N, C-alpha and C. Protein backbone atom coordinates (compact mmCIF):
# COMPACT_ATOMS: atom_id res chain seq x y z
N MET A 1 0.85 -1.17 0.00
CA MET A 1 0.00 0.00 0.00
C MET A 1 0.90 1.23 0.00
N LEU A 2 0.58 2.19 -0.83
CA LEU A 2 1.29 3.46 -0.88
C LEU A 2 0.25 4.55 -0.71
N THR A 3 0.46 5.40 0.28
CA THR A 3 -0.52 6.47 0.51
C THR A 3 0.17 7.79 0.79
N LYS A 4 -0.45 8.83 0.29
CA LYS A 4 -0.03 10.20 0.59
C LYS A 4 -1.09 10.91 1.42
N ASP A 5 -2.23 10.25 1.61
CA ASP A 5 -3.35 10.82 2.34
C ASP A 5 -2.99 11.00 3.82
N ARG A 6 -3.13 12.22 4.32
CA ARG A 6 -2.73 12.52 5.70
C ARG A 6 -3.49 11.68 6.73
N SER A 7 -4.79 11.53 6.56
CA SER A 7 -5.56 10.77 7.55
C SER A 7 -5.11 9.30 7.59
N GLN A 8 -4.81 8.72 6.43
CA GLN A 8 -4.31 7.35 6.40
C GLN A 8 -2.92 7.26 7.04
N ARG A 9 -2.08 8.23 6.76
CA ARG A 9 -0.74 8.23 7.36
C ARG A 9 -0.83 8.32 8.88
N LEU A 10 -1.73 9.17 9.37
CA LEU A 10 -1.88 9.31 10.82
C LEU A 10 -2.45 8.04 11.44
N ARG A 11 -3.33 7.37 10.74
CA ARG A 11 -3.87 6.08 11.23
C ARG A 11 -2.74 5.05 11.29
N LEU A 12 -1.91 5.02 10.27
CA LEU A 12 -0.76 4.11 10.28
C LEU A 12 0.20 4.44 11.42
N ARG A 13 0.39 5.73 11.68
CA ARG A 13 1.23 6.15 12.81
C ARG A 13 0.69 5.59 14.12
N ASP A 14 -0.63 5.70 14.29
CA ASP A 14 -1.25 5.21 15.52
C ASP A 14 -1.13 3.69 15.65
N LEU A 15 -1.35 2.99 14.55
CA LEU A 15 -1.21 1.53 14.57
C LEU A 15 0.22 1.11 14.89
N LYS A 16 1.18 1.80 14.30
CA LYS A 16 2.59 1.51 14.57
C LYS A 16 2.92 1.78 16.03
N GLY A 17 2.36 2.85 16.58
CA GLY A 17 2.58 3.16 17.99
C GLY A 17 2.06 2.06 18.90
N GLU A 18 0.86 1.57 18.61
CA GLU A 18 0.30 0.47 19.40
C GLU A 18 1.17 -0.78 19.29
N ALA A 19 1.62 -1.08 18.07
CA ALA A 19 2.46 -2.26 17.86
C ALA A 19 3.80 -2.13 18.58
N SER A 20 4.42 -0.96 18.49
CA SER A 20 5.71 -0.75 19.17
C SER A 20 5.56 -0.87 20.68
N SER A 21 4.50 -0.30 21.21
CA SER A 21 4.29 -0.37 22.66
C SER A 21 4.12 -1.82 23.11
N ALA A 22 3.36 -2.60 22.34
CA ALA A 22 3.16 -4.01 22.68
C ALA A 22 4.46 -4.79 22.56
N GLN A 23 5.23 -4.51 21.53
CA GLN A 23 6.49 -5.23 21.33
C GLN A 23 7.48 -4.93 22.45
N ILE A 24 7.59 -3.68 22.85
CA ILE A 24 8.54 -3.32 23.89
C ILE A 24 8.12 -3.90 25.24
N ALA A 25 6.82 -4.08 25.46
CA ALA A 25 6.32 -4.67 26.70
C ALA A 25 6.44 -6.19 26.72
N ALA A 26 6.69 -6.80 25.56
CA ALA A 26 6.73 -8.26 25.46
C ALA A 26 8.05 -8.83 25.99
N PRO A 27 8.01 -10.08 26.46
CA PRO A 27 9.24 -10.72 26.94
C PRO A 27 10.35 -10.76 25.88
N PHE A 28 9.98 -10.82 24.63
CA PHE A 28 10.96 -10.82 23.54
C PHE A 28 11.92 -9.64 23.66
N PHE A 29 11.40 -8.49 24.01
CA PHE A 29 12.21 -7.28 24.04
C PHE A 29 13.29 -7.37 25.12
N ALA A 30 12.96 -7.94 26.27
CA ALA A 30 13.96 -8.13 27.33
C ALA A 30 15.07 -9.06 26.83
N GLY A 31 14.69 -10.07 26.06
CA GLY A 31 15.68 -10.98 25.49
C GLY A 31 16.56 -10.28 24.48
N LEU A 32 15.97 -9.39 23.71
CA LEU A 32 16.75 -8.62 22.72
C LEU A 32 17.82 -7.80 23.43
N ARG A 33 17.47 -7.18 24.52
CA ARG A 33 18.42 -6.37 25.28
C ARG A 33 19.61 -7.22 25.73
N ILE A 34 19.36 -8.42 26.20
CA ILE A 34 20.42 -9.31 26.66
C ILE A 34 21.30 -9.75 25.49
N TRP A 35 20.70 -9.93 24.32
CA TRP A 35 21.41 -10.44 23.16
C TRP A 35 22.25 -9.37 22.47
N MET A 36 21.96 -8.11 22.73
CA MET A 36 22.66 -7.00 22.06
C MET A 36 24.13 -6.95 22.48
N CYS A 37 24.97 -6.63 21.50
CA CYS A 37 26.38 -6.34 21.74
C CYS A 37 26.59 -4.88 21.37
N PHE A 38 27.29 -4.15 22.21
CA PHE A 38 27.43 -2.71 22.00
C PHE A 38 28.80 -2.31 21.47
N ASN A 39 29.61 -3.30 21.16
CA ASN A 39 30.91 -3.01 20.54
C ASN A 39 31.36 -4.24 19.74
N PRO A 40 32.20 -4.03 18.73
CA PRO A 40 32.62 -5.15 17.88
C PRO A 40 33.36 -6.26 18.63
N ARG A 41 34.16 -5.89 19.61
CA ARG A 41 34.91 -6.91 20.36
C ARG A 41 33.95 -7.86 21.08
N ALA A 42 32.92 -7.30 21.72
CA ALA A 42 31.94 -8.15 22.41
C ALA A 42 31.19 -9.03 21.41
N ALA A 43 30.87 -8.48 20.25
CA ALA A 43 30.17 -9.26 19.23
C ALA A 43 31.03 -10.42 18.75
N MET A 44 32.31 -10.18 18.52
CA MET A 44 33.21 -11.24 18.07
C MET A 44 33.42 -12.30 19.17
N LYS A 45 33.53 -11.84 20.40
CA LYS A 45 33.74 -12.77 21.50
C LYS A 45 32.51 -13.64 21.72
N LYS A 46 31.34 -13.03 21.67
CA LYS A 46 30.09 -13.75 21.90
C LYS A 46 29.74 -14.65 20.72
N ALA A 47 30.01 -14.17 19.52
CA ALA A 47 29.78 -14.92 18.28
C ALA A 47 28.33 -15.31 18.05
N ASP A 48 27.42 -14.76 18.81
CA ASP A 48 26.00 -15.02 18.55
C ASP A 48 25.12 -13.84 18.94
N GLY A 49 25.74 -12.72 19.21
CA GLY A 49 24.97 -11.55 19.60
C GLY A 49 24.58 -10.70 18.42
N LEU A 50 23.82 -9.69 18.68
CA LEU A 50 23.37 -8.75 17.67
C LEU A 50 24.13 -7.45 17.85
N PHE A 51 24.92 -7.09 16.85
CA PHE A 51 25.67 -5.83 16.89
C PHE A 51 25.12 -4.93 15.81
N PRO A 52 24.40 -3.88 16.20
CA PRO A 52 23.80 -3.01 15.18
C PRO A 52 24.86 -2.19 14.45
N VAL A 53 24.85 -2.28 13.16
CA VAL A 53 25.78 -1.48 12.35
C VAL A 53 25.04 -0.20 12.00
N THR A 54 25.20 0.78 12.86
CA THR A 54 24.52 2.06 12.71
C THR A 54 25.50 3.16 13.05
N ASP A 55 24.99 4.35 13.15
CA ASP A 55 25.85 5.46 13.56
C ASP A 55 25.90 5.61 15.08
N ASN A 56 25.41 4.60 15.80
CA ASN A 56 25.48 4.64 17.25
C ASN A 56 26.92 4.47 17.71
N PRO A 57 27.30 5.12 18.79
CA PRO A 57 28.68 5.00 19.25
C PRO A 57 28.96 3.60 19.81
N VAL A 58 30.20 3.17 19.69
CA VAL A 58 30.65 1.92 20.29
C VAL A 58 30.92 2.21 21.76
N MET A 59 30.49 1.28 22.62
CA MET A 59 30.64 1.50 24.06
C MET A 59 30.75 0.18 24.80
N PRO A 60 31.26 0.20 26.04
CA PRO A 60 31.31 -1.02 26.84
C PRO A 60 29.89 -1.53 27.11
N LYS A 61 29.79 -2.83 27.35
CA LYS A 61 28.49 -3.46 27.56
C LYS A 61 27.70 -2.78 28.68
N TRP A 62 28.36 -2.49 29.81
CA TRP A 62 27.62 -1.93 30.93
C TRP A 62 27.04 -0.55 30.60
N VAL A 63 27.74 0.23 29.79
CA VAL A 63 27.23 1.54 29.36
C VAL A 63 26.12 1.33 28.33
N GLY A 64 26.35 0.43 27.39
CA GLY A 64 25.37 0.17 26.34
C GLY A 64 24.03 -0.28 26.89
N ARG A 65 24.06 -1.19 27.84
CA ARG A 65 22.80 -1.67 28.43
C ARG A 65 22.07 -0.55 29.16
N ARG A 66 22.80 0.27 29.86
CA ARG A 66 22.17 1.39 30.59
C ARG A 66 21.58 2.39 29.59
N MET A 67 22.33 2.71 28.55
CA MET A 67 21.83 3.65 27.54
C MET A 67 20.61 3.06 26.82
N PHE A 68 20.66 1.77 26.53
CA PHE A 68 19.53 1.09 25.90
C PHE A 68 18.28 1.26 26.75
N ASP A 69 18.43 1.01 28.06
CA ASP A 69 17.29 1.14 28.97
C ASP A 69 16.75 2.57 29.03
N LEU A 70 17.64 3.54 28.97
CA LEU A 70 17.23 4.94 29.05
C LEU A 70 16.62 5.46 27.74
N LEU A 71 17.16 5.00 26.63
CA LEU A 71 16.81 5.60 25.34
C LEU A 71 15.81 4.81 24.50
N ILE A 72 15.73 3.51 24.70
CA ILE A 72 14.83 2.69 23.89
C ILE A 72 13.61 2.34 24.74
N THR A 73 12.61 3.18 24.64
CA THR A 73 11.36 2.97 25.36
C THR A 73 10.21 3.09 24.37
N ALA A 74 9.05 2.65 24.79
CA ALA A 74 7.87 2.79 23.91
C ALA A 74 7.68 4.26 23.54
N ARG A 75 7.86 5.13 24.49
CA ARG A 75 7.66 6.56 24.22
C ARG A 75 8.66 7.09 23.19
N THR A 76 9.95 6.79 23.39
CA THR A 76 10.95 7.31 22.46
C THR A 76 10.78 6.72 21.06
N GLU A 77 10.49 5.42 21.00
CA GLU A 77 10.28 4.79 19.70
C GLU A 77 9.05 5.38 19.00
N ASN A 78 7.98 5.59 19.75
CA ASN A 78 6.76 6.16 19.16
C ASN A 78 6.95 7.62 18.76
N ASP A 79 7.68 8.37 19.56
CA ASP A 79 7.96 9.76 19.20
C ASP A 79 8.78 9.84 17.90
N THR A 80 9.77 8.97 17.78
CA THR A 80 10.61 8.95 16.58
C THR A 80 9.78 8.60 15.36
N PHE A 81 9.00 7.54 15.46
CA PHE A 81 8.20 7.10 14.33
C PHE A 81 7.14 8.14 13.98
N SER A 82 6.53 8.74 14.98
CA SER A 82 5.51 9.77 14.73
C SER A 82 6.11 10.92 13.94
N HIS A 83 7.28 11.36 14.35
CA HIS A 83 7.95 12.46 13.64
C HIS A 83 8.23 12.06 12.19
N GLU A 84 8.71 10.84 11.98
CA GLU A 84 9.01 10.38 10.62
C GLU A 84 7.76 10.38 9.74
N ILE A 85 6.67 9.87 10.27
CA ILE A 85 5.41 9.80 9.49
C ILE A 85 4.87 11.20 9.21
N GLU A 86 4.85 12.04 10.24
CA GLU A 86 4.26 13.38 10.10
C GLU A 86 5.08 14.27 9.17
N SER A 87 6.37 14.01 9.04
CA SER A 87 7.21 14.84 8.18
C SER A 87 7.41 14.24 6.78
N SER A 88 6.79 13.10 6.52
CA SER A 88 6.94 12.44 5.22
C SER A 88 5.74 12.73 4.33
N PRO A 89 5.98 12.87 3.03
CA PRO A 89 4.86 13.12 2.11
C PRO A 89 4.03 11.89 1.83
N GLY A 90 4.57 10.71 2.12
CA GLY A 90 3.84 9.48 1.85
C GLY A 90 4.40 8.34 2.65
N VAL A 91 3.66 7.23 2.66
CA VAL A 91 4.07 6.05 3.40
C VAL A 91 3.82 4.82 2.54
N ALA A 92 4.78 3.92 2.53
CA ALA A 92 4.63 2.63 1.85
C ALA A 92 4.54 1.55 2.91
N VAL A 93 3.55 0.68 2.79
CA VAL A 93 3.36 -0.42 3.73
C VAL A 93 3.44 -1.72 2.95
N PHE A 94 4.27 -2.63 3.40
CA PHE A 94 4.44 -3.92 2.76
C PHE A 94 3.83 -4.98 3.67
N VAL A 95 2.96 -5.81 3.11
CA VAL A 95 2.23 -6.80 3.90
C VAL A 95 2.53 -8.19 3.36
N SER A 96 2.83 -9.10 4.26
CA SER A 96 3.12 -10.47 3.90
C SER A 96 1.83 -11.26 3.72
N GLN A 97 1.84 -12.20 2.77
CA GLN A 97 0.67 -13.03 2.56
C GLN A 97 0.57 -14.13 3.60
N ALA A 98 1.68 -14.48 4.21
CA ALA A 98 1.68 -15.54 5.22
C ALA A 98 2.71 -15.19 6.29
N GLU A 99 2.58 -15.82 7.41
CA GLU A 99 3.55 -15.61 8.49
C GLU A 99 4.58 -16.74 8.43
N SER A 100 5.54 -16.56 7.54
CA SER A 100 6.55 -17.59 7.34
C SER A 100 7.85 -16.94 6.87
N PRO A 101 8.97 -17.60 7.09
CA PRO A 101 10.24 -17.04 6.64
C PRO A 101 10.27 -16.75 5.13
N LEU A 102 9.70 -17.62 4.32
CA LEU A 102 9.70 -17.38 2.87
C LEU A 102 8.92 -16.11 2.53
N SER A 103 7.81 -15.89 3.20
CA SER A 103 7.03 -14.67 2.97
C SER A 103 7.79 -13.44 3.44
N TRP A 104 8.50 -13.56 4.55
CA TRP A 104 9.27 -12.43 5.05
C TRP A 104 10.41 -12.09 4.09
N ILE A 105 11.02 -13.10 3.52
CA ILE A 105 12.07 -12.86 2.52
C ILE A 105 11.47 -12.17 1.30
N ALA A 106 10.31 -12.63 0.87
CA ALA A 106 9.64 -12.01 -0.29
C ALA A 106 9.32 -10.55 -0.01
N ILE A 107 8.86 -10.25 1.18
CA ILE A 107 8.56 -8.86 1.55
C ILE A 107 9.85 -8.03 1.55
N GLY A 108 10.91 -8.59 2.08
CA GLY A 108 12.19 -7.88 2.08
C GLY A 108 12.67 -7.58 0.66
N ARG A 109 12.50 -8.53 -0.22
CA ARG A 109 12.89 -8.32 -1.62
C ARG A 109 12.02 -7.25 -2.27
N ALA A 110 10.72 -7.30 -2.03
CA ALA A 110 9.81 -6.30 -2.60
C ALA A 110 10.17 -4.91 -2.09
N ARG A 111 10.46 -4.83 -0.81
CA ARG A 111 10.86 -3.53 -0.22
C ARG A 111 12.14 -3.02 -0.88
N ARG A 112 13.11 -3.90 -1.04
CA ARG A 112 14.38 -3.50 -1.65
C ARG A 112 14.16 -3.00 -3.08
N ARG A 113 13.34 -3.72 -3.86
CA ARG A 113 13.06 -3.29 -5.24
C ARG A 113 12.35 -1.94 -5.25
N PHE A 114 11.44 -1.74 -4.32
CA PHE A 114 10.73 -0.46 -4.21
C PHE A 114 11.71 0.67 -3.92
N LEU A 115 12.62 0.44 -2.96
CA LEU A 115 13.58 1.48 -2.59
C LEU A 115 14.54 1.80 -3.73
N ILE A 116 14.95 0.79 -4.48
CA ILE A 116 15.82 1.02 -5.62
C ILE A 116 15.09 1.85 -6.68
N ALA A 117 13.84 1.47 -6.96
CA ALA A 117 13.05 2.21 -7.95
C ALA A 117 12.83 3.66 -7.50
N ALA A 118 12.52 3.84 -6.22
CA ALA A 118 12.31 5.19 -5.70
C ALA A 118 13.57 6.03 -5.83
N ARG A 119 14.69 5.42 -5.58
CA ARG A 119 15.98 6.13 -5.70
C ARG A 119 16.24 6.53 -7.16
N ILE A 120 15.96 5.62 -8.07
CA ILE A 120 16.16 5.91 -9.49
C ILE A 120 15.24 7.04 -9.95
N TRP A 121 13.98 7.01 -9.51
CA TRP A 121 13.00 8.02 -9.93
C TRP A 121 13.23 9.36 -9.25
N GLY A 122 14.02 9.36 -8.19
CA GLY A 122 14.31 10.61 -7.51
C GLY A 122 13.24 10.93 -6.53
């Protein structure tokens, strides 16, 4: 789905907020925090952690976990997403036909093709 309609974008913002709040409250999220590595050395040593390749600073585990707790909350995630939706001229939503790894891969591929086309079109 691709929409430029403000009321639809705001509805999507609200749905995303509800989903983010539920996800952060779920036991999965506590597990994610434990699995995170906040520096490359810890990621290599653990060999099974998640090291986000972003513009976030590299830091010791004890600092990273504390910062994660302070900065990654339902409120901060919802505020960030709300700002992104409200400042965007449109929103693209990709929906899987099934809840399965093959469908998730297909959605990822469709998203990638969409982003490449959008980049080409300017």
